Amino acid sequence: MTLTIGVDVGGTKILGGVVDADGKVLVKARQNTPVEGGLALLTAIATVVNELASKAKVESVGLSIAGFVSSDRSTMLASPNIAGLDGLPLQKPLEDAIKLPVRVENDANAAAWGEAIFGAGRGCGHLILLTIGTGIGGGIITNGELNRGAFGVAGEFGHLRMVPNGLRCGCGSYGCLEQYASGKALLRTAKERAQANLADASRLLSLGDGTPEGIHGSHITQAALAGDEVALSAFREIGDWLGAGIAMLSMVLDPERVIIGGGVIEASEILLAPTRSALLRHLPYATKHPIAKVVPAELGIEAGLVGAADLARR
């Protein structure tokens, strides 16, 4: 049985696992992501890999990491949430440290591959994945292959420009999708609506310290599931923006399936129902041809790990 290691590197943790050819995670290990990033991050990744390699005979390592990865899959071009990675070579230093072949992949690409092979995209040759967290990431599968584009940075869906001269984005542009449809946008919207409708937001406010400023992302999902109208209205607004963005992507990529992952998908149909409705409203000629099914991701926080591990054996 061919075993590989997948390592998913995020802003706060490094999660690794030994993965078999069926996408099953057999054993895990984790480290905190060093705040200084850079070479300290490479050391932490190597520690996770070596711990896992001591427990199973593995052939290679797939690394899933947030940011822009060079087209030769060896170097980080830029990373928005991890310090000290811009321009940092990853593949060769890690291979030297762990004595195993390493394949580096953008985290959303790795998650898209994991879902395509083992999750919500099984049997589907054309799909896109949107990961909805603090920001919005994306991955594209075309004809059953991961589509990275000419320079390795395809799928940055969060930076579609939705609103000319809109809200400023961390990327430096204005009006990007992730300013209107991300977890961060959901939190901002809920706080604004709670402030304007304190009585209607009583359930939502009770989950925090009683003030709009005390609302956290998890509170919004809890309140929405319990029927809080302010929380529900915030999800409807996010879903409307998300559906509009998916309509734009559908006109370019024509996917068969759109998979929504990330922390916000814990709300399930509370987010997906308004997203599907908005897709129908915003997609030209939507009633004249088949359109993509919008479905929740299945692999959860292991999607990037499992996808990276599978890509490492190809």
C-alpha atoms as a PDB file:
ATOM      1  CA  MET A   1       0.000   0.000   0.000  1.00  0.00           C
ATOM      2  CA  THR A   2       1.438   3.355  -1.053  1.00  0.00           C
ATOM      3  CA  LEU A   3       1.547   5.813   1.827  1.00  0.00           C
ATOM      4  CA  THR A   4       2.354   9.502   1.592  1.00  0.00           C
ATOM      5  CA  ILE A   5       2.400  12.390   4.032  1.00  0.00           C
ATOM      6  CA  GLY A   6       0.228  15.447   3.606  1.00  0.00           C
ATOM      7  CA  VAL A   7       1.037  18.621   5.520  1.00  0.00           C
ATOM      8  CA  ASP A   8      -1.392  21.538   5.670  1.00  0.00           C
ATOM      9  CA  VAL A   9       0.223  24.800   6.759  1.00  0.00           C
ATOM     10  CA  GLY A  10      -2.028  27.578   8.005  1.00  0.00           C
ATOM     11  CA  GLY A  11      -1.593  30.813   9.881  1.00  0.00           C
ATOM     12  CA  THR A  12      -1.879  29.170  13.319  1.00  0.00           C
ATOM     13  CA  LYS A  13      -1.124  25.461  12.930  1.00  0.00           C
ATOM     14  CA  ILE A  14       0.774  22.892  10.888  1.00  0.00           C
ATOM     15  CA  LEU A  15      -1.278  19.705  10.556  1.00  0.00           C
ATOM     16  CA  GLY A  16       0.296  16.591   9.032  1.00  0.00           C
ATOM     17  CA  GLY A  17      -0.988  13.107   8.385  1.00  0.00           C
ATOM     18  CA  VAL A  18      -0.039   9.785   6.836  1.00  0.00           C
ATOM     19  CA  VAL A  19      -2.558   9.144   4.058  1.00  0.00           C
ATOM     20  CA  ASP A  20      -3.275   5.937   2.153  1.00  0.00           C
ATOM     21  CA  ALA A  21      -4.305   5.613  -1.494  1.00  0.00           C
ATOM     22  CA  ASP A  22      -7.998   5.748  -0.524  1.00  0.00           C
ATOM     23  CA  GLY A  23      -7.599   9.146   1.127  1.00  0.00           C
ATOM     24  CA  LYS A  24      -7.802   7.787   4.671  1.00  0.00           C
ATOM     25  CA  VAL A  25      -5.691   9.602   7.265  1.00  0.00           C
ATOM     26  CA  LEU A  26      -3.983   6.917   9.332  1.00  0.00           C
ATOM     27  CA  VAL A  27      -2.049   9.005  11.859  1.00  0.00           C
ATOM     28  CA  LYS A  28      -1.657  12.738  12.517  1.00  0.00           C
ATOM     29  CA  ALA A  29       0.859  15.143  14.010  1.00  0.00           C
ATOM     30  CA  ARG A  30       0.770  18.896  14.512  1.00  0.00           C
ATOM     31  CA  GLN A  31       2.831  21.908  15.510  1.00  0.00           C
ATOM     32  CA  ASN A  32       1.968  25.539  16.032  1.00  0.00           C
ATOM     33  CA  THR A  33       2.925  27.777  13.125  1.00  0.00           C
ATOM     34  CA  PRO A  34       5.929  29.882  14.235  1.00  0.00           C
ATOM     35  CA  VAL A  35       4.925  33.541  14.306  1.00  0.00           C
ATOM     36  CA  GLU A  36       8.196  34.526  12.637  1.00  0.00           C
ATOM     37  CA  GLY A  37       7.599  32.127   9.722  1.00  0.00           C
ATOM     38  CA  GLY A  38      10.525  31.798   7.324  1.00  0.00           C
ATOM     39  CA  LEU A  39      13.205  29.296   8.251  1.00  0.00           C
ATOM     40  CA  ALA A  40      11.517  28.562  11.580  1.00  0.00           C
ATOM     41  CA  LEU A  41       8.490  27.382   9.615  1.00  0.00           C
ATOM     42  CA  LEU A  42      10.630  25.027   7.534  1.00  0.00           C
ATOM     43  CA  THR A  43      12.026  23.549  10.749  1.00  0.00           C
ATOM     44  CA  ALA A  44       8.539  23.046  12.187  1.00  0.00           C
ATOM     45  CA  ILE A  45       7.304  21.368   8.989  1.00  0.00           C
ATOM     46  CA  ALA A  46      10.315  19.047   9.014  1.00  0.00           C
ATOM     47  CA  THR A  47       9.582  18.156  12.650  1.00  0.00           C
ATOM     48  CA  VAL A  48       6.009  17.151  11.769  1.00  0.00           C
ATOM     49  CA  VAL A  49       7.153  15.106   8.761  1.00  0.00           C
ATOM     50  CA  ASN A  50       9.913  13.315  10.648  1.00  0.00           C
ATOM     51  CA  GLU A  51       7.527  12.410  13.460  1.00  0.00           C
ATOM     52  CA  LEU A  52       5.082  10.893  10.971  1.00  0.00           C
ATOM     53  CA  ALA A  53       7.807   9.170   8.936  1.00  0.00           C
ATOM     54  CA  SER A  54       8.974   7.436  12.113  1.00  0.00           C
ATOM     55  CA  LYS A  55       5.554   5.789  12.418  1.00  0.00           C
ATOM     56  CA  ALA A  56       5.001   4.588   8.831  1.00  0.00           C
ATOM     57  CA  LYS A  57       6.972   3.835   5.690  1.00  0.00           C
ATOM     58  CA  VAL A  58       6.157   6.696   3.331  1.00  0.00           C
ATOM     59  CA  GLU A  59       7.312   7.516  -0.178  1.00  0.00           C
ATOM     60  CA  SER A  60       6.805  11.270  -0.519  1.00  0.00           C
ATOM     61  CA  VAL A  61       5.388  14.438   1.038  1.00  0.00           C
ATOM     62  CA  GLY A  62       2.776  16.870  -0.213  1.00  0.00           C
ATOM     63  CA  LEU A  63       2.784  20.352   1.291  1.00  0.00           C
ATOM     64  CA  SER A  64      -0.399  22.460   1.247  1.00  0.00           C
ATOM     65  CA  ILE A  65       0.280  26.105   2.110  1.00  0.00           C
ATOM     66  CA  ALA A  66      -1.647  29.374   1.919  1.00  0.00           C
ATOM     67  CA  GLY A  67      -0.269  31.756  -0.678  1.00  0.00           C
ATOM     68  CA  PHE A  68       1.066  32.039  -4.199  1.00  0.00           C
ATOM     69  CA  VAL A  69       3.276  29.102  -5.203  1.00  0.00           C
ATOM     70  CA  SER A  70       5.650  29.325  -8.187  1.00  0.00           C
ATOM     71  CA  SER A  71       4.694  27.467 -11.362  1.00  0.00           C
ATOM     72  CA  ASP A  72       7.472  24.912 -10.782  1.00  0.00           C
ATOM     73  CA  ARG A  73       5.926  24.183  -7.339  1.00  0.00           C
ATOM     74  CA  SER A  74       9.149  24.932  -5.453  1.00  0.00           C
ATOM     75  CA  THR A  75       8.995  28.486  -4.072  1.00  0.00           C
ATOM     76  CA  MET A  76       6.549  30.690  -2.193  1.00  0.00           C
ATOM     77  CA  LEU A  77       6.000  33.867  -4.188  1.00  0.00           C
ATOM     78  CA  ALA A  78       3.848  35.529  -1.512  1.00  0.00           C
ATOM     79  CA  SER A  79       1.803  34.522   1.506  1.00  0.00           C
ATOM     80  CA  PRO A  80      -0.848  36.793   3.065  1.00  0.00           C
ATOM     81  CA  ASN A  81      -1.076  35.201   6.510  1.00  0.00           C
ATOM     82  CA  ILE A  82       2.349  33.703   7.250  1.00  0.00           C
ATOM     83  CA  ALA A  83       5.395  35.880   7.848  1.00  0.00           C
ATOM     84  CA  GLY A  84       8.753  35.524   6.155  1.00  0.00           C
ATOM     85  CA  LEU A  85       7.656  33.438   3.169  1.00  0.00           C
ATOM     86  CA  ASP A  86       7.788  35.866   0.239  1.00  0.00           C
ATOM     87  CA  GLY A  87      10.301  34.459  -2.230  1.00  0.00           C
ATOM     88  CA  LEU A  88      11.314  31.618   0.110  1.00  0.00           C
ATOM     89  CA  PRO A  89      12.338  28.299  -1.516  1.00  0.00           C
ATOM     90  CA  LEU A  90      10.461  25.411   0.084  1.00  0.00           C
ATOM     91  CA  GLN A  91      10.950  22.250  -1.931  1.00  0.00           C
ATOM     92  CA  LYS A  92      14.721  21.766  -1.891  1.00  0.00           C
ATOM     93  CA  PRO A  93      15.358  22.818   1.737  1.00  0.00           C
ATOM     94  CA  LEU A  94      12.622  20.461   2.909  1.00  0.00           C
ATOM     95  CA  GLU A  95      13.854  17.597   0.745  1.00  0.00           C
ATOM     96  CA  ASP A  96      17.342  18.102   2.180  1.00  0.00           C
ATOM     97  CA  ALA A  97      15.943  18.103   5.722  1.00  0.00           C
ATOM     98  CA  ILE A  98      13.601  15.108   5.515  1.00  0.00           C
ATOM     99  CA  LYS A  99      15.252  13.020   2.755  1.00  0.00           C
ATOM    100  CA  LEU A 100      11.965  12.513   0.906  1.00  0.00           C
ATOM    101  CA  PRO A 101      10.546  13.981  -2.318  1.00  0.00           C
ATOM    102  CA  VAL A 102       8.374  17.044  -1.638  1.00  0.00           C
ATOM    103  CA  ARG A 103       5.599  18.571  -3.725  1.00  0.00           C
ATOM    104  CA  VAL A 104       4.388  22.063  -2.810  1.00  0.00           C
ATOM    105  CA  GLU A 105       0.825  23.182  -3.544  1.00  0.00           C
ATOM    106  CA  ASN A 106      -1.403  26.156  -2.795  1.00  0.00           C
ATOM    107  CA  ASP A 107      -3.785  25.205   0.020  1.00  0.00           C
ATOM    108  CA  ALA A 108      -7.016  25.815  -1.903  1.00  0.00           C
ATOM    109  CA  ASN A 109      -5.686  23.863  -4.898  1.00  0.00           C
ATOM    110  CA  ALA A 110      -4.812  20.965  -2.605  1.00  0.00           C
ATOM    111  CA  ALA A 111      -8.271  21.113  -0.994  1.00  0.00           C
ATOM    112  CA  ALA A 112      -9.940  21.185  -4.419  1.00  0.00           C
ATOM    113  CA  TRP A 113      -7.978  18.097  -5.434  1.00  0.00           C
ATOM    114  CA  GLY A 114      -8.850  16.310  -2.197  1.00  0.00           C
ATOM    115  CA  GLU A 115     -12.561  17.016  -2.680  1.00  0.00           C
ATOM    116  CA  ALA A 116     -12.394  16.049  -6.355  1.00  0.00           C
ATOM    117  CA  ILE A 117     -10.825  12.657  -5.684  1.00  0.00           C
ATOM    118  CA  PHE A 118     -12.219  11.695  -2.273  1.00  0.00           C
ATOM    119  CA  GLY A 119     -14.994  14.152  -1.351  1.00  0.00           C
ATOM    120  CA  ALA A 120     -17.888  16.152  -2.741  1.00  0.00           C
ATOM    121  CA  GLY A 121     -16.427  16.208  -6.267  1.00  0.00           C
ATOM    122  CA  ARG A 122     -16.012  12.469  -6.818  1.00  0.00           C
ATOM    123  CA  GLY A 123     -16.790  11.506 -10.415  1.00  0.00           C
ATOM    124  CA  CYS A 124     -16.915  15.144 -11.544  1.00  0.00           C
ATOM    125  CA  GLY A 125     -14.419  16.306 -14.191  1.00  0.00           C
ATOM    126  CA  HIS A 126     -15.215  20.024 -14.058  1.00  0.00           C
ATOM    127  CA  LEU A 127     -15.556  21.718 -10.696  1.00  0.00           C
ATOM    128  CA  ILE A 128     -14.490  24.682  -8.639  1.00  0.00           C
ATOM    129  CA  LEU A 129     -13.944  24.900  -4.901  1.00  0.00           C
ATOM    130  CA  LEU A 130     -14.355  28.059  -2.875  1.00  0.00           C
ATOM    131  CA  THR A 131     -12.979  28.056   0.649  1.00  0.00           C
ATOM    132  CA  ILE A 132     -14.812  30.624   2.774  1.00  0.00           C
ATOM    133  CA  GLY A 133     -12.819  31.624   5.828  1.00  0.00           C
ATOM    134  CA  THR A 134     -11.217  34.897   6.883  1.00  0.00           C
ATOM    135  CA  GLY A 135     -10.713  35.397   3.139  1.00  0.00           C
ATOM    136  CA  ILE A 136     -11.781  33.415   0.081  1.00  0.00           C
ATOM    137  CA  GLY A 137      -9.574  30.919  -1.721  1.00  0.00           C
ATOM    138  CA  GLY A 138     -10.315  28.794  -4.748  1.00  0.00           C
ATOM    139  CA  GLY A 139      -9.291  25.820  -6.826  1.00  0.00           C
ATOM    140  CA  ILE A 140     -10.206  24.682 -10.337  1.00  0.00           C
ATOM    141  CA  ILE A 141     -10.478  21.163 -11.731  1.00  0.00           C
ATOM    142  CA  THR A 142     -10.772  20.992 -15.532  1.00  0.00           C
ATOM    143  CA  ASN A 143     -11.119  17.691 -17.401  1.00  0.00           C
ATOM    144  CA  GLY A 144     -10.135  15.930 -14.200  1.00  0.00           C
ATOM    145  CA  GLU A 145      -6.888  17.881 -13.860  1.00  0.00           C
ATOM    146  CA  LEU A 146      -5.851  20.610 -11.446  1.00  0.00           C
ATOM    147  CA  ASN A 147      -5.794  23.898 -13.357  1.00  0.00           C
ATOM    148  CA  ARG A 148      -3.077  26.194 -11.974  1.00  0.00           C
ATOM    149  CA  GLY A 149      -2.891  28.593 -14.925  1.00  0.00           C
ATOM    150  CA  ALA A 150       0.215  29.758 -16.756  1.00  0.00           C
ATOM    151  CA  PHE A 151       2.065  31.058 -13.695  1.00  0.00           C
ATOM    152  CA  GLY A 152       0.686  28.810 -10.973  1.00  0.00           C
ATOM    153  CA  VAL A 153      -1.686  31.317  -9.402  1.00  0.00           C
ATOM    154  CA  ALA A 154      -5.081  30.519 -10.957  1.00  0.00           C
ATOM    155  CA  GLY A 155      -8.118  30.261  -8.698  1.00  0.00           C
ATOM    156  CA  GLU A 156      -7.729  33.416  -6.618  1.00  0.00           C
ATOM    157  CA  PHE A 157     -11.501  33.866  -6.608  1.00  0.00           C
ATOM    158  CA  GLY A 158     -11.511  36.094  -3.549  1.00  0.00           C
ATOM    159  CA  HIS A 159     -10.046  38.917  -5.583  1.00  0.00           C
ATOM    160  CA  LEU A 160     -12.684  39.126  -8.267  1.00  0.00           C
ATOM    161  CA  ARG A 161     -13.666  42.788  -8.379  1.00  0.00           C
ATOM    162  CA  MET A 162     -17.337  42.923  -7.468  1.00  0.00           C
ATOM    163  CA  VAL A 163     -17.792  46.594  -6.581  1.00  0.00           C
ATOM    164  CA  PRO A 164     -15.928  49.371  -8.422  1.00  0.00           C
ATOM    165  CA  ASN A 165     -14.357  51.645  -5.800  1.00  0.00           C
ATOM    166  CA  GLY A 166     -15.737  49.354  -3.111  1.00  0.00           C
ATOM    167  CA  LEU A 167     -14.222  48.309   0.200  1.00  0.00           C
ATOM    168  CA  ARG A 168     -10.435  48.202   0.279  1.00  0.00           C
ATOM    169  CA  CYS A 169      -9.012  44.664   0.282  1.00  0.00           C
ATOM    170  CA  GLY A 170      -5.847  43.372   1.894  1.00  0.00           C
ATOM    171  CA  CYS A 171      -4.500  42.717  -1.596  1.00  0.00           C
ATOM    172  CA  GLY A 172      -4.444  46.479  -2.217  1.00  0.00           C
ATOM    173  CA  SER A 173      -7.398  46.588  -4.601  1.00  0.00           C
ATOM    174  CA  TYR A 174     -10.985  47.699  -3.931  1.00  0.00           C
ATOM    175  CA  GLY A 175     -14.290  45.865  -4.044  1.00  0.00           C
ATOM    176  CA  CYS A 176     -12.936  42.291  -4.010  1.00  0.00           C
ATOM    177  CA  LEU A 177     -15.356  39.398  -3.461  1.00  0.00           C
ATOM    178  CA  GLU A 178     -13.787  38.444  -0.151  1.00  0.00           C
ATOM    179  CA  GLN A 179     -14.682  41.859   1.260  1.00  0.00           C
ATOM    180  CA  TYR A 180     -18.358  40.952   0.773  1.00  0.00           C
ATOM    181  CA  ALA A 181     -18.646  37.148   0.986  1.00  0.00           C
ATOM    182  CA  SER A 182     -15.971  35.920   3.422  1.00  0.00           C
ATOM    183  CA  GLY A 183     -16.158  35.007   7.080  1.00  0.00           C
ATOM    184  CA  LYS A 184     -14.690  38.419   7.854  1.00  0.00           C
ATOM    185  CA  ALA A 185     -17.461  40.052   5.822  1.00  0.00           C
ATOM    186  CA  LEU A 186     -20.080  37.960   7.616  1.00  0.00           C
ATOM    187  CA  LEU A 187     -18.785  39.152  10.984  1.00  0.00           C
ATOM    188  CA  ARG A 188     -18.742  42.803   9.891  1.00  0.00           C
ATOM    189  CA  THR A 189     -22.271  42.555   8.487  1.00  0.00           C
ATOM    190  CA  ALA A 190     -23.654  40.850  11.593  1.00  0.00           C
ATOM    191  CA  LYS A 191     -22.120  43.450  13.901  1.00  0.00           C
ATOM    192  CA  GLU A 192     -23.503  46.315  11.812  1.00  0.00           C
ATOM    193  CA  ARG A 193     -26.998  44.821  11.721  1.00  0.00           C
ATOM    194  CA  ALA A 194     -26.941  43.970  15.418  1.00  0.00           C
ATOM    195  CA  GLN A 195     -26.002  47.558  16.216  1.00  0.00           C
ATOM    196  CA  ALA A 196     -28.916  48.811  14.120  1.00  0.00           C
ATOM    197  CA  ASN A 197     -31.419  46.245  15.497  1.00  0.00           C
ATOM    198  CA  LEU A 198     -30.441  45.443  19.075  1.00  0.00           C
ATOM    199  CA  ALA A 199     -33.847  43.990  19.973  1.00  0.00           C
ATOM    200  CA  ASP A 200     -33.939  41.601  16.999  1.00  0.00           C
ATOM    201  CA  ALA A 201     -30.362  40.500  17.722  1.00  0.00           C
ATOM    202  CA  SER A 202     -30.965  39.509  21.347  1.00  0.00           C
ATOM    203  CA  ARG A 203     -30.152  35.822  20.820  1.00  0.00           C
ATOM    204  CA  LEU A 204     -27.000  36.656  18.858  1.00  0.00           C
ATOM    205  CA  LEU A 205     -25.848  39.231  21.420  1.00  0.00           C
ATOM    206  CA  SER A 206     -26.449  36.808  24.305  1.00  0.00           C
ATOM    207  CA  LEU A 207     -23.802  34.464  22.919  1.00  0.00           C
ATOM    208  CA  GLY A 208     -21.122  37.100  23.458  1.00  0.00           C
ATOM    209  CA  ASP A 209     -20.803  39.885  26.005  1.00  0.00           C
ATOM    210  CA  GLY A 210     -24.131  41.482  25.095  1.00  0.00           C
ATOM    211  CA  THR A 211     -22.652  44.050  22.714  1.00  0.00           C
ATOM    212  CA  PRO A 212     -22.176  43.990  18.922  1.00  0.00           C
ATOM    213  CA  GLU A 213     -18.425  44.283  19.482  1.00  0.00           C
ATOM    214  CA  GLY A 214     -18.487  41.010  21.434  1.00  0.00           C
ATOM    215  CA  ILE A 215     -19.882  38.950  18.538  1.00  0.00           C
ATOM    216  CA  HIS A 216     -17.588  36.233  17.171  1.00  0.00           C
ATOM    217  CA  GLY A 217     -17.934  34.264  13.946  1.00  0.00           C
ATOM    218  CA  SER A 218     -19.066  31.083  15.700  1.00  0.00           C
ATOM    219  CA  HIS A 219     -21.830  33.049  17.439  1.00  0.00           C
ATOM    220  CA  ILE A 220     -23.376  34.010  14.102  1.00  0.00           C
ATOM    221  CA  THR A 221     -23.726  30.402  12.990  1.00  0.00           C
ATOM    222  CA  GLN A 222     -25.130  29.337  16.383  1.00  0.00           C
ATOM    223  CA  ALA A 223     -27.638  32.158  16.378  1.00  0.00           C
ATOM    224  CA  ALA A 224     -28.688  31.565  12.784  1.00  0.00           C
ATOM    225  CA  LEU A 225     -29.291  27.876  13.477  1.00  0.00           C
ATOM    226  CA  ALA A 226     -31.480  28.953  16.398  1.00  0.00           C
ATOM    227  CA  GLY A 227     -33.486  31.304  14.185  1.00  0.00           C
ATOM    228  CA  ASP A 228     -31.983  34.702  15.085  1.00  0.00           C
ATOM    229  CA  GLU A 229     -33.174  37.042  12.320  1.00  0.00           C
ATOM    230  CA  VAL A 230     -30.161  39.337  12.372  1.00  0.00           C
ATOM    231  CA  ALA A 231     -27.784  36.390  12.002  1.00  0.00           C
ATOM    232  CA  LEU A 232     -29.962  34.917   9.255  1.00  0.00           C
ATOM    233  CA  SER A 233     -30.045  38.232   7.394  1.00  0.00           C
ATOM    234  CA  ALA A 234     -26.241  38.456   7.543  1.00  0.00           C
ATOM    235  CA  PHE A 235     -25.978  34.991   5.978  1.00  0.00           C
ATOM    236  CA  ARG A 236     -28.480  35.981   3.289  1.00  0.00           C
ATOM    237  CA  GLU A 237     -26.367  38.984   2.353  1.00  0.00           C
ATOM    238  CA  ILE A 238     -23.157  36.945   2.228  1.00  0.00           C
ATOM    239  CA  GLY A 239     -24.918  34.262   0.202  1.00  0.00           C
ATOM    240  CA  ASP A 240     -26.146  36.842  -2.284  1.00  0.00           C
ATOM    241  CA  TRP A 241     -22.630  38.136  -2.901  1.00  0.00           C
ATOM    242  CA  LEU A 242     -21.268  34.598  -3.077  1.00  0.00           C
ATOM    243  CA  GLY A 243     -23.897  33.552  -5.624  1.00  0.00           C
ATOM    244  CA  ALA A 244     -23.095  36.610  -7.738  1.00  0.00           C
ATOM    245  CA  GLY A 245     -19.417  35.697  -7.686  1.00  0.00           C
ATOM    246  CA  ILE A 246     -20.153  32.084  -8.625  1.00  0.00           C
ATOM    247  CA  ALA A 247     -22.268  33.348 -11.541  1.00  0.00           C
ATOM    248  CA  MET A 248     -19.233  35.261 -12.847  1.00  0.00           C
ATOM    249  CA  LEU A 249     -17.020  32.216 -12.455  1.00  0.00           C
ATOM    250  CA  SER A 250     -19.605  30.011 -14.141  1.00  0.00           C
ATOM    251  CA  MET A 251     -19.636  32.202 -17.230  1.00  0.00           C
ATOM    252  CA  VAL A 252     -15.865  31.735 -17.549  1.00  0.00           C
ATOM    253  CA  LEU A 253     -15.311  28.166 -16.335  1.00  0.00           C
ATOM    254  CA  ASP A 254     -18.730  26.463 -16.778  1.00  0.00           C
ATOM    255  CA  PRO A 255     -18.254  24.009 -13.889  1.00  0.00           C
ATOM    256  CA  GLU A 256     -20.488  21.025 -13.298  1.00  0.00           C
ATOM    257  CA  ARG A 257     -20.204  21.419  -9.546  1.00  0.00           C
ATOM    258  CA  VAL A 258     -19.308  24.198  -7.130  1.00  0.00           C
ATOM    259  CA  ILE A 259     -18.047  23.029  -3.748  1.00  0.00           C
ATOM    260  CA  ILE A 260     -18.151  25.395  -0.784  1.00  0.00           C
ATOM    261  CA  GLY A 261     -15.709  24.714   2.036  1.00  0.00           C
ATOM    262  CA  GLY A 262     -14.114  26.577   4.923  1.00  0.00           C
ATOM    263  CA  GLY A 263     -15.389  27.426   8.386  1.00  0.00           C
ATOM    264  CA  VAL A 264     -18.508  29.278   7.239  1.00  0.00           C
ATOM    265  CA  ILE A 265     -19.958  26.118   5.656  1.00  0.00           C
ATOM    266  CA  GLU A 266     -20.825  24.897   9.152  1.00  0.00           C
ATOM    267  CA  ALA A 267     -24.015  26.906   8.605  1.00  0.00           C
ATOM    268  CA  SER A 268     -24.824  24.532   5.713  1.00  0.00           C
ATOM    269  CA  GLU A 269     -28.133  25.375   4.007  1.00  0.00           C
ATOM    270  CA  ILE A 270     -28.395  28.694   5.826  1.00  0.00           C
ATOM    271  CA  LEU A 271     -25.573  29.831   3.542  1.00  0.00           C
ATOM    272  CA  LEU A 272     -26.100  27.527   0.565  1.00  0.00           C
ATOM    273  CA  ALA A 273     -29.794  28.278  -0.037  1.00  0.00           C
ATOM    274  CA  PRO A 274     -29.336  32.046  -0.602  1.00  0.00           C
ATOM    275  CA  THR A 275     -26.176  31.319  -2.584  1.00  0.00           C
ATOM    276  CA  ARG A 276     -28.070  29.066  -4.998  1.00  0.00           C
ATOM    277  CA  SER A 277     -30.890  31.603  -5.331  1.00  0.00           C
ATOM    278  CA  ALA A 278     -28.423  34.362  -6.132  1.00  0.00           C
ATOM    279  CA  LEU A 279     -26.651  32.190  -8.677  1.00  0.00           C
ATOM    280  CA  LEU A 280     -29.949  31.727 -10.522  1.00  0.00           C
ATOM    281  CA  ARG A 281     -30.659  35.462 -10.426  1.00  0.00           C
ATOM    282  CA  HIS A 282     -27.230  36.583 -11.590  1.00  0.00           C
ATOM    283  CA  LEU A 283     -26.346  33.915 -14.161  1.00  0.00           C
ATOM    284  CA  PRO A 284     -27.396  34.950 -17.698  1.00  0.00           C
ATOM    285  CA  TYR A 285     -29.830  32.520 -19.352  1.00  0.00           C
ATOM    286  CA  ALA A 286     -29.785  30.361 -16.216  1.00  0.00           C
ATOM    287  CA  THR A 287     -33.128  28.791 -17.144  1.00  0.00           C
ATOM    288  CA  LYS A 288     -31.972  27.914 -20.669  1.00  0.00           C
ATOM    289  CA  HIS A 289     -29.134  25.515 -19.863  1.00  0.00           C
ATOM    290  CA  PRO A 290     -27.868  23.235 -17.083  1.00  0.00           C
ATOM    291  CA  ILE A 291     -26.041  25.028 -14.273  1.00  0.00           C
ATOM    292  CA  ALA A 292     -23.612  23.909 -11.615  1.00  0.00           C
ATOM    293  CA  LYS A 293     -24.807  22.220  -8.453  1.00  0.00           C
ATOM    294  CA  VAL A 294     -23.669  24.104  -5.357  1.00  0.00           C
ATOM    295  CA  VAL A 295     -22.778  21.606  -2.624  1.00  0.00           C
ATOM    296  CA  PRO A 296     -20.943  21.604   0.724  1.00  0.00           C
ATOM    297  CA  ALA A 297     -17.423  20.214   1.026  1.00  0.00           C
ATOM    298  CA  GLU A 298     -17.122  16.807   2.665  1.00  0.00           C
ATOM    299  CA  LEU A 299     -13.540  16.538   3.915  1.00  0.00           C
ATOM    300  CA  GLY A 300     -13.544  19.415   6.382  1.00  0.00           C
ATOM    301  CA  ILE A 301     -10.196  20.548   7.770  1.00  0.00           C
ATOM    302  CA  GLU A 302      -8.474  17.494   6.271  1.00  0.00           C
ATOM    303  CA  ALA A 303      -9.166  18.460   2.629  1.00  0.00           C
ATOM    304  CA  GLY A 304      -5.846  20.225   2.050  1.00  0.00           C
ATOM    305  CA  LEU A 305      -3.862  17.556   3.857  1.00  0.00           C
ATOM    306  CA  VAL A 306      -5.492  14.702   1.943  1.00  0.00           C
ATOM    307  CA  GLY A 307      -5.260  16.512  -1.395  1.00  0.00           C
ATOM    308  CA  ALA A 308      -1.589  17.365  -0.939  1.00  0.00           C
ATOM    309  CA  ALA A 309      -0.793  13.787   0.045  1.00  0.00           C
ATOM    310  CA  ASP A 310      -2.518  12.443  -3.062  1.00  0.00           C
ATOM    311  CA  LEU A 311      -0.793  14.941  -5.348  1.00  0.00           C
ATOM    312  CA  ALA A 312       2.542  13.827  -3.891  1.00  0.00           C
ATOM    313  CA  ARG A 313       2.072  10.344  -5.318  1.00  0.00           C
ATOM    314  CA  ARG A 314       1.298  11.551  -8.863  1.00  0.00           C
END
